[in-house]
């Protein structure tokens, strides 16, 4: 009987570690999403507002990309769209 109780404690510890790792990964994901959006905004603001070089198109693409990062859940979809731009 003592053997089974030790395993249960071990399983509980492993489950707690797993839950903590999932929480940590979710926090990292949220941070990275905010960081990417901020960087996109900085790039957009840094670009020159000159119609001859197509800066309005660039600005629109940055906005679209930022929106994709927010709305798309699947990483492969985001990657595919990102590579097309």
Protein backbone atom coordinates (compact mmCIF):
# COMPACT_ATOMS: atom_id res chain seq x y z
CA UNK A 1 0.00 0.00 0.00
CA UNK A 2 2.80 2.44 0.76
CA UNK A 3 4.07 2.07 -2.78
CA UNK A 4 0.80 3.26 -4.28
CA UNK A 5 0.56 6.27 -1.99
CA UNK A 6 4.05 7.41 -2.92
CA UNK A 7 3.22 7.20 -6.62
CA UNK A 8 0.07 9.22 -6.10
CA UNK A 9 2.11 11.96 -4.41
CA UNK A 10 4.58 11.83 -7.28
CA UNK A 11 1.75 12.09 -9.81
CA UNK A 12 0.29 15.06 -7.94
CA UNK A 13 3.68 16.76 -7.97
CA UNK A 14 4.11 16.10 -11.69
CA UNK A 15 0.60 17.41 -12.36
CA UNK A 16 1.35 20.59 -10.39
CA UNK A 17 4.57 21.08 -12.37
CA UNK A 18 2.67 20.55 -15.61
CA UNK A 19 -0.04 23.05 -14.64
CA UNK A 20 2.61 25.61 -13.66
CA UNK A 21 4.38 25.09 -16.98
CA UNK A 22 1.13 25.60 -18.90
CA UNK A 23 0.46 28.82 -16.97
CA UNK A 24 3.99 30.02 -17.59
CA UNK A 25 3.70 29.27 -21.31
CA UNK A 26 0.40 31.16 -21.50
CA UNK A 27 1.99 34.18 -19.79
CA UNK A 28 4.95 34.04 -22.19
CA UNK A 29 2.60 33.81 -25.17
CA UNK A 30 0.69 36.87 -23.98
CA UNK A 31 3.90 38.81 -23.44
CA UNK A 32 5.31 37.85 -26.85
CA UNK A 33 2.05 38.83 -28.55
CA UNK A 34 2.12 42.25 -26.90
CA UNK A 35 5.81 42.67 -27.74
CA UNK A 36 5.27 41.78 -31.41
CA UNK A 37 2.34 44.19 -31.66
CA UNK A 38 4.38 46.96 -30.05
CA UNK A 39 7.29 46.35 -32.42
CA UNK A 40 4.96 46.43 -35.41
CA UNK A 41 3.55 49.72 -34.19
CA UNK A 42 7.06 51.16 -33.78
CA UNK A 43 7.99 50.04 -37.30
CA UNK A 44 4.82 51.58 -38.68
CA UNK A 45 5.42 54.86 -36.85
CA UNK A 46 9.06 54.93 -37.97
CA UNK A 47 8.22 54.57 -41.66
CA UNK A 48 8.14 57.70 -43.74
CA UNK A 49 4.78 58.97 -44.89
CA UNK A 50 5.63 59.36 -48.57
CA UNK A 51 3.08 58.19 -51.15
CA UNK A 52 5.70 57.75 -53.88
CA UNK A 53 7.40 54.91 -52.01
CA UNK A 54 4.14 53.17 -51.09
CA UNK A 55 4.25 53.88 -47.38
CA UNK A 56 0.46 53.79 -47.18
CA UNK A 57 0.50 50.20 -48.48
CA UNK A 58 3.24 49.33 -46.00
CA UNK A 59 1.23 50.85 -43.17
CA UNK A 60 -1.84 48.85 -44.19
CA UNK A 61 0.19 45.64 -44.30
CA UNK A 62 1.54 46.30 -40.81
CA UNK A 63 -2.01 46.85 -39.53
CA UNK A 64 -3.18 43.64 -41.23
CA UNK A 65 -0.28 41.68 -39.79
CA UNK A 66 -0.96 43.01 -36.31
CA UNK A 67 -4.61 41.99 -36.64
CA UNK A 68 -3.61 38.51 -37.77
CA UNK A 69 -1.42 38.05 -34.71
CA UNK A 70 -4.39 38.95 -32.51
CA UNK A 71 -7.12 36.93 -34.20
CA UNK A 72 -5.45 33.81 -35.58
CA UNK A 73 -5.15 30.93 -33.13
CA UNK A 74 -3.08 28.50 -35.18
CA UNK A 75 0.63 29.21 -35.35
CA UNK A 76 1.01 27.62 -38.78
CA UNK A 77 -1.67 29.93 -40.20
CA UNK A 78 0.10 32.99 -38.79
CA UNK A 79 3.41 31.75 -40.17
CA UNK A 80 1.91 31.14 -43.60
CA UNK A 81 0.30 34.57 -43.76
CA UNK A 82 3.45 36.24 -42.44
CA UNK A 83 5.58 34.63 -45.15
CA UNK A 84 3.15 35.77 -47.86
CA UNK A 85 3.44 39.45 -46.92
